PDB file of N, CA and C in Angstrom:
ATOM      1  N   MET A   1       9.435 -36.607 -93.091  1.00  0.00           N
ATOM      2  CA  MET A   1       9.922 -35.243 -93.007  1.00  0.00           C
ATOM      3  C   MET A   1      10.052 -34.854 -91.537  1.00  0.00           C
ATOM      4  N   SER A   2      11.180 -34.298 -91.200  1.00  0.00           N
ATOM      5  CA  SER A   2      11.447 -33.894 -89.826  1.00  0.00           C
ATOM      6  C   SER A   2      11.151 -32.410 -89.677  1.00  0.00           C
ATOM      7  N   HIS A   3      10.387 -32.060 -88.654  1.00  0.00           N
ATOM      8  CA  HIS A   3      10.049 -30.662 -88.397  1.00  0.00           C
ATOM      9  C   HIS A   3      11.057 -30.057 -87.437  1.00  0.00           C
ATOM     10  N   ILE A   4      11.420 -28.824 -87.697  1.00  0.00           N
ATOM     11  CA  ILE A   4      12.319 -28.101 -86.812  1.00  0.00           C
ATOM     12  C   ILE A   4      11.464 -27.281 -85.864  1.00  0.00           C
ATOM     13  N   VAL A   5      11.627 -27.546 -84.590  1.00  0.00           N
ATOM     14  CA  VAL A   5      10.826 -26.863 -83.579  1.00  0.00           C
ATOM     15  C   VAL A   5      11.782 -26.174 -82.613  1.00  0.00           C
ATOM     16  N   THR A   6      11.467 -24.941 -82.256  1.00  0.00           N
ATOM     17  CA  THR A   6      12.302 -24.224 -81.294  1.00  0.00           C
ATOM     18  C   THR A   6      11.889 -24.603 -79.887  1.00  0.00           C
ATOM     19  N   VAL A   7      12.835 -24.596 -79.013  1.00  0.00           N
ATOM     20  CA  VAL A   7      12.576 -24.842 -77.610  1.00  0.00           C
ATOM     21  C   VAL A   7      12.272 -23.500 -76.972  1.00  0.00           C
ATOM     22  N   GLN A   8      11.159 -23.417 -76.276  1.00  0.00           N
ATOM     23  CA  GLN A   8      10.718 -22.134 -75.731  1.00  0.00           C
ATOM     24  C   GLN A   8      11.747 -21.543 -74.778  1.00  0.00           C
ATOM     25  N   ASP A   9      12.370 -22.369 -73.930  1.00  0.00           N
ATOM     26  CA  ASP A   9      13.359 -21.838 -72.982  1.00  0.00           C
ATOM     27  C   ASP A   9      14.556 -21.230 -73.696  1.00  0.00           C
ATOM     28  N   ALA A  10      14.947 -21.798 -74.822  1.00  0.00           N
ATOM     29  CA  ALA A  10      16.087 -21.260 -75.562  1.00  0.00           C
ATOM     30  C   ALA A  10      15.732 -19.948 -76.251  1.00  0.00           C
ATOM     31  N   VAL A  11      14.484 -19.818 -76.691  1.00  0.00           N
ATOM     32  CA  VAL A  11      14.064 -18.592 -77.375  1.00  0.00           C
ATOM     33  C   VAL A  11      13.928 -17.455 -76.379  1.00  0.00           C
ATOM     34  N   THR A  12      13.282 -17.723 -75.259  1.00  0.00           N
ATOM     35  CA  THR A  12      13.144 -16.714 -74.215  1.00  0.00           C
ATOM     36  C   THR A  12      14.215 -17.002 -73.179  1.00  0.00           C
ATOM     37  N   ALA A  13      15.292 -16.291 -73.274  1.00  0.00           N
ATOM     38  CA  ALA A  13      16.451 -16.583 -72.436  1.00  0.00           C
ATOM     39  C   ALA A  13      16.159 -16.377 -70.954  1.00  0.00           C
ATOM     40  N   PHE A  14      15.411 -15.362 -70.611  1.00  0.00           N
ATOM     41  CA  PHE A  14      15.161 -15.073 -69.209  1.00  0.00           C
ATOM     42  C   PHE A  14      13.672 -14.932 -68.959  1.00  0.00           C
ATOM     43  N   ALA A  15      13.138 -15.898 -68.265  1.00  0.00           N
ATOM     44  CA  ALA A  15      11.739 -15.827 -67.849  1.00  0.00           C
ATOM     45  C   ALA A  15      11.654 -14.868 -66.669  1.00  0.00           C
ATOM     46  N   PRO A  16      10.465 -14.338 -66.377  1.00  0.00           N
ATOM     47  CA  PRO A  16      10.348 -13.379 -65.269  1.00  0.00           C
ATOM     48  C   PRO A  16      10.845 -13.926 -63.933  1.00  0.00           C
ATOM     49  N   TRP A  17      10.686 -15.205 -63.697  1.00  0.00           N
ATOM     50  CA  TRP A  17      11.139 -15.771 -62.428  1.00  0.00           C
ATOM     51  C   TRP A  17      12.642 -15.965 -62.382  1.00  0.00           C
ATOM     52  N   MET A  18      13.317 -15.743 -63.494  1.00  0.00           N
ATOM     53  CA  MET A  18      14.772 -15.897 -63.541  1.00  0.00           C
ATOM     54  C   MET A  18      15.502 -14.575 -63.356  1.00  0.00           C
ATOM     55  N   GLU A  19      14.804 -13.518 -63.064  1.00  0.00           N
ATOM     56  CA  GLU A  19      15.432 -12.208 -62.865  1.00  0.00           C
ATOM     57  C   GLU A  19      16.316 -12.234 -61.620  1.00  0.00           C
ATOM     58  N   PRO A  20      17.381 -11.440 -61.605  1.00  0.00           N
ATOM     59  CA  PRO A  20      18.235 -11.420 -60.413  1.00  0.00           C
ATOM     60  C   PRO A  20      17.499 -10.816 -59.222  1.00  0.00           C
ATOM     61  N   THR A  21      17.819 -11.333 -58.062  1.00  0.00           N
ATOM     62  CA  THR A  21      17.202 -10.820 -56.843  1.00  0.00           C
ATOM     63  C   THR A  21      17.881  -9.516 -56.442  1.00  0.00           C
ATOM     64  N   ALA A  22      17.300  -8.860 -55.473  1.00  0.00           N
ATOM     65  CA  ALA A  22      17.887  -7.610 -54.980  1.00  0.00           C
ATOM     66  C   ALA A  22      19.268  -7.863 -54.383  1.00  0.00           C
ATOM     67  N   ALA A  23      19.428  -8.984 -53.702  1.00  0.00           N
ATOM     68  CA  ALA A  23      20.733  -9.322 -53.112  1.00  0.00           C
ATOM     69  C   ALA A  23      21.782  -9.548 -54.199  1.00  0.00           C
ATOM     70  N   GLU A  24      21.391 -10.218 -55.288  1.00  0.00           N
ATOM     71  CA  GLU A  24      22.323 -10.444 -56.387  1.00  0.00           C
ATOM     72  C   GLU A  24      22.715  -9.136 -57.065  1.00  0.00           C
ATOM     73  N   LEU A  25      21.745  -8.242 -57.233  1.00  0.00           N
ATOM     74  CA  LEU A  25      22.045  -6.935 -57.822  1.00  0.00           C
ATOM     75  C   LEU A  25      22.963  -6.123 -56.917  1.00  0.00           C
ATOM     76  N   ASP A  26      22.762  -6.221 -55.604  1.00  0.00           N
ATOM     77  CA  ASP A  26      23.642  -5.528 -54.655  1.00  0.00           C
ATOM     78  C   ASP A  26      25.062  -6.081 -54.725  1.00  0.00           C
ATOM     79  N   ALA A  27      25.178  -7.404 -54.877  1.00  0.00           N
ATOM     80  CA  ALA A  27      26.502  -8.023 -54.982  1.00  0.00           C
ATOM     81  C   ALA A  27      27.213  -7.573 -56.256  1.00  0.00           C
ATOM     82  N   ILE A  28      26.465  -7.479 -57.349  1.00  0.00           N
ATOM     83  CA  ILE A  28      27.046  -7.002 -58.607  1.00  0.00           C
ATOM     84  C   ILE A  28      27.500  -5.557 -58.461  1.00  0.00           C
ATOM     85  N   GLU A  29      26.670  -4.743 -57.823  1.00  0.00           N
ATOM     86  CA  GLU A  29      27.017  -3.333 -57.613  1.00  0.00           C
ATOM     87  C   GLU A  29      28.274  -3.204 -56.755  1.00  0.00           C
ATOM     88  N   LEU A  30      28.400  -4.075 -55.757  1.00  0.00           N
ATOM     89  CA  LEU A  30      29.569  -4.051 -54.884  1.00  0.00           C
ATOM     90  C   LEU A  30      30.826  -4.455 -55.649  1.00  0.00           C
ATOM     91  N   GLU A  31      30.699  -5.385 -56.582  1.00  0.00           N
ATOM     92  CA  GLU A  31      31.843  -5.876 -57.351  1.00  0.00           C
ATOM     93  C   GLU A  31      32.138  -5.028 -58.596  1.00  0.00           C
ATOM     94  N   MET A  32      31.314  -4.050 -58.890  1.00  0.00           N
ATOM     95  CA  MET A  32      31.469  -3.270 -60.115  1.00  0.00           C
ATOM     96  C   MET A  32      32.843  -2.596 -60.253  1.00  0.00           C
ATOM     97  N   PRO A  33      33.442  -2.019 -59.200  1.00  0.00           N
ATOM     98  CA  PRO A  33      34.788  -1.444 -59.388  1.00  0.00           C
ATOM     99  C   PRO A  33      35.818  -2.488 -59.827  1.00  0.00           C
ATOM    100  N   ALA A  34      35.730  -3.701 -59.294  1.00  0.00           N
ATOM    101  CA  ALA A  34      36.656  -4.758 -59.706  1.00  0.00           C
ATOM    102  C   ALA A  34      36.383  -5.178 -61.146  1.00  0.00           C
ATOM    103  N   ILE A  35      35.133  -5.255 -61.519  1.00  0.00           N
ATOM    104  CA  ILE A  35      34.773  -5.620 -62.891  1.00  0.00           C
ATOM    105  C   ILE A  35      35.292  -4.570 -63.870  1.00  0.00           C
ATOM    106  N   LEU A  36      35.076  -3.300 -63.558  1.00  0.00           N
ATOM    107  CA  LEU A  36      35.536  -2.227 -64.442  1.00  0.00           C
ATOM    108  C   LEU A  36      37.066  -2.184 -64.523  1.00  0.00           C
ATOM    109  N   ALA A  37      37.743  -2.481 -63.409  1.00  0.00           N
ATOM    110  CA  ALA A  37      39.207  -2.520 -63.433  1.00  0.00           C
ATOM    111  C   ALA A  37      39.691  -3.660 -64.328  1.00  0.00           C
ATOM    112  N   ASP A  38      39.015  -4.806 -64.264  1.00  0.00           N
ATOM    113  CA  ASP A  38      39.372  -5.927 -65.145  1.00  0.00           C
ATOM    114  C   ASP A  38      39.164  -5.555 -66.609  1.00  0.00           C
ATOM    115  N   VAL A  39      38.076  -4.865 -66.904  1.00  0.00           N
ATOM    116  CA  VAL A  39      37.802  -4.441 -68.276  1.00  0.00           C
ATOM    117  C   VAL A  39      38.875  -3.467 -68.754  1.00  0.00           C
ATOM    118  N   GLU A  40      39.271  -2.559 -67.886  1.00  0.00           N
ATOM    119  CA  GLU A  40      40.320  -1.595 -68.243  1.00  0.00           C
ATOM    120  C   GLU A  40      41.645  -2.304 -68.532  1.00  0.00           C
ATOM    121  N   LEU A  41      41.958  -3.331 -67.748  1.00  0.00           N
ATOM    122  CA  LEU A  41      43.184  -4.103 -67.975  1.00  0.00           C
ATOM    123  C   LEU A  41      43.133  -4.816 -69.321  1.00  0.00           C
ATOM    124  N   VAL A  42      42.009  -5.435 -69.618  1.00  0.00           N
ATOM    125  CA  VAL A  42      41.873  -6.126 -70.905  1.00  0.00           C
ATOM    126  C   VAL A  42      41.968  -5.130 -72.061  1.00  0.00           C
ATOM    127  N   ASP A  43      41.361  -3.963 -71.911  1.00  0.00           N
ATOM    128  CA  ASP A  43      41.454  -2.935 -72.948  1.00  0.00           C
ATOM    129  C   ASP A  43      42.905  -2.502 -73.174  1.00  0.00           C
ATOM    130  N   ALA A  44      43.655  -2.331 -72.085  1.00  0.00           N
ATOM    131  CA  ALA A  44      45.058  -1.932 -72.215  1.00  0.00           C
ATOM    132  C   ALA A  44      45.878  -3.027 -72.889  1.00  0.00           C
ATOM    133  N   GLU A  45      45.593  -4.279 -72.544  1.00  0.00           N
ATOM    134  CA  GLU A  45      46.322  -5.385 -73.171  1.00  0.00           C
ATOM    135  C   GLU A  45      45.986  -5.509 -74.658  1.00  0.00           C
ATOM    136  N   ILE A  46      44.720  -5.313 -74.997  1.00  0.00           N
ATOM    137  CA  ILE A  46      44.320  -5.364 -76.408  1.00  0.00           C
ATOM    138  C   ILE A  46      44.990  -4.239 -77.185  1.00  0.00           C
ATOM    139  N   ALA A  47      45.011  -3.057 -76.606  1.00  0.00           N
ATOM    140  CA  ALA A  47      45.650  -1.923 -77.279  1.00  0.00           C
ATOM    141  C   ALA A  47      47.132  -2.196 -77.536  1.00  0.00           C
ATOM    142  N   ALA A  48      47.777  -2.865 -76.588  1.00  0.00           N
ATOM    143  CA  ALA A  48      49.198  -3.181 -76.769  1.00  0.00           C
ATOM    144  C   ALA A  48      49.398  -4.255 -77.837  1.00  0.00           C
ATOM    145  N   LEU A  49      48.430  -5.135 -77.992  1.00  0.00           N
ATOM    146  CA  LEU A  49      48.542  -6.198 -78.999  1.00  0.00           C
ATOM    147  C   LEU A  49      48.285  -5.692 -80.411  1.00  0.00           C
ATOM    148  N   GLU A  50      47.537  -4.597 -80.522  1.00  0.00           N
ATOM    149  CA  GLU A  50      47.146  -4.097 -81.839  1.00  0.00           C
ATOM    150  C   GLU A  50      48.260  -3.338 -82.559  1.00  0.00           C
ATOM    151  N   ARG A  51      49.301  -2.992 -81.844  1.00  0.00           N
ATOM    152  CA  ARG A  51      50.402  -2.253 -82.480  1.00  0.00           C
ATOM    153  C   ARG A  51      51.704  -2.664 -81.796  1.00  0.00           C
ATOM    154  N   ILE A  52      52.777  -2.093 -82.246  1.00  0.00           N
ATOM    155  CA  ILE A  52      54.074  -2.376 -81.621  1.00  0.00           C
ATOM    156  C   ILE A  52      54.078  -1.723 -80.236  1.00  0.00           C
ATOM    157  N   PRO A  53      54.260  -2.523 -79.188  1.00  0.00           N
ATOM    158  CA  PRO A  53      54.205  -1.956 -77.833  1.00  0.00           C
ATOM    159  C   PRO A  53      55.328  -0.945 -77.593  1.00  0.00           C
ATOM    160  N   VAL A  54      54.974   0.111 -76.910  1.00  0.00           N
ATOM    161  CA  VAL A  54      55.942   1.140 -76.525  1.00  0.00           C
ATOM    162  C   VAL A  54      55.906   1.264 -75.008  1.00  0.00           C
ATOM    163  N   ALA A  55      56.744   2.134 -74.469  1.00  0.00           N
ATOM    164  CA  ALA A  55      56.816   2.301 -73.013  1.00  0.00           C
ATOM    165  C   ALA A  55      55.478   2.746 -72.431  1.00  0.00           C
ATOM    166  N   LEU A  56      54.738   3.548 -73.168  1.00  0.00           N
ATOM    167  CA  LEU A  56      53.436   4.004 -72.687  1.00  0.00           C
ATOM    168  C   LEU A  56      52.473   2.837 -72.510  1.00  0.00           C
ATOM    169  N   ASP A  57      52.513   1.865 -73.416  1.00  0.00           N
ATOM    170  CA  ASP A  57      51.648   0.695 -73.292  1.00  0.00           C
ATOM    171  C   ASP A  57      51.998  -0.113 -72.051  1.00  0.00           C
ATOM    172  N   ALA A  58      53.281  -0.299 -71.801  1.00  0.00           N
ATOM    173  CA  ALA A  58      53.707  -1.038 -70.614  1.00  0.00           C
ATOM    174  C   ALA A  58      53.252  -0.323 -69.345  1.00  0.00           C
ATOM    175  N   ARG A  59      53.367   0.989 -69.337  1.00  0.00           N
ATOM    176  CA  ARG A  59      52.935   1.779 -68.178  1.00  0.00           C
ATOM    177  C   ARG A  59      51.422   1.689 -67.985  1.00  0.00           C
ATOM    178  N   ARG A  60      50.680   1.741 -69.083  1.00  0.00           N
ATOM    179  CA  ARG A  60      49.216   1.650 -69.024  1.00  0.00           C
ATOM    180  C   ARG A  60      48.783   0.286 -68.476  1.00  0.00           C
ATOM    181  N   ILE A  61      49.441  -0.780 -68.924  1.00  0.00           N
ATOM    182  CA  ILE A  61      49.113  -2.127 -68.432  1.00  0.00           C
ATOM    183  C   ILE A  61      49.476  -2.252 -66.955  1.00  0.00           C
ATOM    184  N   ARG A  62      50.630  -1.726 -66.573  1.00  0.00           N
ATOM    185  CA  ARG A  62      51.061  -1.791 -65.178  1.00  0.00           C
ATOM    186  C   ARG A  62      50.077  -1.049 -64.275  1.00  0.00           C
ATOM    187  N   ARG A  63      49.635   0.121 -64.703  1.00  0.00           N
ATOM    188  CA  ARG A  63      48.657   0.886 -63.909  1.00  0.00           C
ATOM    189  C   ARG A  63      47.318   0.152 -63.838  1.00  0.00           C
ATOM    190  N   ALA A  64      46.902  -0.445 -64.931  1.00  0.00           N
ATOM    191  CA  ALA A  64      45.646  -1.187 -64.941  1.00  0.00           C
ATOM    192  C   ALA A  64      45.724  -2.397 -64.006  1.00  0.00           C
ATOM    193  N   ARG A  65      46.872  -3.071 -63.985  1.00  0.00           N
ATOM    194  CA  ARG A  65      47.046  -4.209 -63.067  1.00  0.00           C
ATOM    195  C   ARG A  65      46.973  -3.746 -61.618  1.00  0.00           C
ATOM    196  N   ARG A  66      47.584  -2.586 -61.337  1.00  0.00           N
ATOM    197  CA  ARG A  66      47.509  -2.060 -59.968  1.00  0.00           C
ATOM    198  C   ARG A  66      46.079  -1.711 -59.587  1.00  0.00           C
ATOM    199  N   ARG A  67      45.310  -1.172 -60.523  1.00  0.00           N
ATOM    200  CA  ARG A  67      43.908  -0.863 -60.227  1.00  0.00           C
ATOM    201  C   ARG A  67      43.105  -2.132 -59.971  1.00  0.00           C
ATOM    202  N   VAL A  68      43.396  -3.182 -60.735  1.00  0.00           N
ATOM    203  CA  VAL A  68      42.718  -4.467 -60.515  1.00  0.00           C
ATOM    204  C   VAL A  68      43.033  -4.987 -59.123  1.00  0.00           C
ATOM    205  N   LEU A  69      44.304  -4.975 -58.756  1.00  0.00           N
ATOM    206  CA  LEU A  69      44.689  -5.462 -57.437  1.00  0.00           C
ATOM    207  C   LEU A  69      44.069  -4.615 -56.327  1.00  0.00           C
ATOM    208  N   ALA A  70      44.038  -3.305 -56.507  1.00  0.00           N
ATOM    209  CA  ALA A  70      43.449  -2.430 -55.491  1.00  0.00           C
ATOM    210  C   ALA A  70      41.947  -2.685 -55.359  1.00  0.00           C
ATOM    211  N   ALA A  71      41.265  -2.872 -56.477  1.00  0.00           N
ATOM    212  CA  ALA A  71      39.824  -3.133 -56.428  1.00  0.00           C
ATOM    213  C   ALA A  71      39.531  -4.475 -55.773  1.00  0.00           C
ATOM    214  N   ARG A  72      40.330  -5.482 -56.102  1.00  0.00           N
ATOM    215  CA  ARG A  72      40.136  -6.802 -55.483  1.00  0.00           C
ATOM    216  C   ARG A  72      40.465  -6.764 -53.999  1.00  0.00           C
ATOM    217  N   ARG A  73      41.500  -5.995 -53.621  1.00  0.00           N
ATOM    218  CA  ARG A  73      41.840  -5.860 -52.210  1.00  0.00           C
ATOM    219  C   ARG A  73      40.704  -5.195 -51.450  1.00  0.00           C
ATOM    220  N   ALA A  74      40.142  -4.137 -52.020  1.00  0.00           N
ATOM    221  CA  ALA A  74      39.033  -3.438 -51.369  1.00  0.00           C
ATOM    222  C   ALA A  74      37.815  -4.361 -51.226  1.00  0.00           C
ATOM    223  N   LEU A  75      37.557  -5.141 -52.246  1.00  0.00           N
ATOM    224  CA  LEU A  75      36.435  -6.076 -52.202  1.00  0.00           C
ATOM    225  C   LEU A  75      36.662  -7.141 -51.134  1.00  0.00           C
ATOM    226  N   THR A  76      37.878  -7.665 -51.056  1.00  0.00           N
ATOM    227  CA  THR A  76      38.198  -8.675 -50.046  1.00  0.00           C
ATOM    228  C   THR A  76      38.128  -8.090 -48.650  1.00  0.00           C
ATOM    229  N   ASN A  77      38.634  -6.882 -48.468  1.00  0.00           N
ATOM    230  CA  ASN A  77      38.564  -6.239 -47.154  1.00  0.00           C
ATOM    231  C   ASN A  77      37.124  -5.989 -46.745  1.00  0.00           C
ATOM    232  N   HIS A  78      36.295  -5.616 -47.691  1.00  0.00           N
ATOM    233  CA  HIS A  78      34.881  -5.389 -47.388  1.00  0.00           C
ATOM    234  C   HIS A  78      34.209  -6.699 -46.978  1.00  0.00           C
ATOM    235  N   ALA A  79      34.501  -7.766 -47.695  1.00  0.00           N
ATOM    236  CA  ALA A  79      33.908  -9.071 -47.362  1.00  0.00           C
ATOM    237  C   ALA A  79      34.375  -9.538 -45.988  1.00  0.00           C
ATOM    238  N   ALA A  80      35.648  -9.311 -45.673  1.00  0.00           N
ATOM    239  CA  ALA A  80      36.163  -9.706 -44.362  1.00  0.00           C
ATOM    240  C   ALA A  80      35.521  -8.875 -43.256  1.00  0.00           C
ATOM    241  N   ALA A  81      35.317  -7.596 -43.508  1.00  0.00           N
ATOM    242  CA  ALA A  81      34.687  -6.736 -42.516  1.00  0.00           C
ATOM    243  C   ALA A  81      33.237  -7.142 -42.272  1.00  0.00           C
ATOM    244  N   VAL A  82      32.556  -7.564 -43.324  1.00  0.00           N
ATOM    245  CA  VAL A  82      31.168  -8.003 -43.177  1.00  0.00           C
ATOM    246  C   VAL A  82      31.119  -9.300 -42.375  1.00  0.00           C
ATOM    247  N   ARG A  83      32.063 -10.209 -42.622  1.00  0.00           N
ATOM    248  CA  ARG A  83      32.086 -11.480 -41.878  1.00  0.00           C
ATOM    249  C   ARG A  83      32.349 -11.261 -40.389  1.00  0.00           C
ATOM    250  N   VAL A  84      33.258 -10.343 -40.112  1.00  0.00           N
ATOM    251  CA  VAL A  84      33.600 -10.069 -38.713  1.00  0.00           C
ATOM    252  C   VAL A  84      32.460  -9.308 -38.037  1.00  0.00           C
ATOM    253  N   GLY A  85      31.746  -8.549 -38.819  1.00  0.00           N
ATOM    254  CA  GLY A  85      30.629  -7.787 -38.278  1.00  0.00           C
ATOM    255  C   GLY A  85      30.977  -6.347 -37.974  1.00  0.00           C
ATOM    256  N   ALA A  86      32.067  -5.865 -38.506  1.00  0.00           N
ATOM    257  CA  ALA A  86      32.502  -4.482 -38.242  1.00  0.00           C
ATOM    258  C   ALA A  86      31.774  -3.507 -39.107  1.00  0.00           C
TER     259      ALA A  86
END
């Protein structure tokens, strides 16, 4: 008879020593506008897929794409400014 045994690491997904560091949390906070813009874009695309697309859906997706690009541009500019030391 074979016994089924759980692996402790799989059951407890995050041990206390696996918590994100302060630097990692700061990086996530810095990237949050880009993450939220990506989520908004996916939401707009899903909404367009759920029904027959109309001009409003195309406009919503276009605006969401612009927000994604603006957020990524701001993030890249911030990273470049940090590297230069400004």
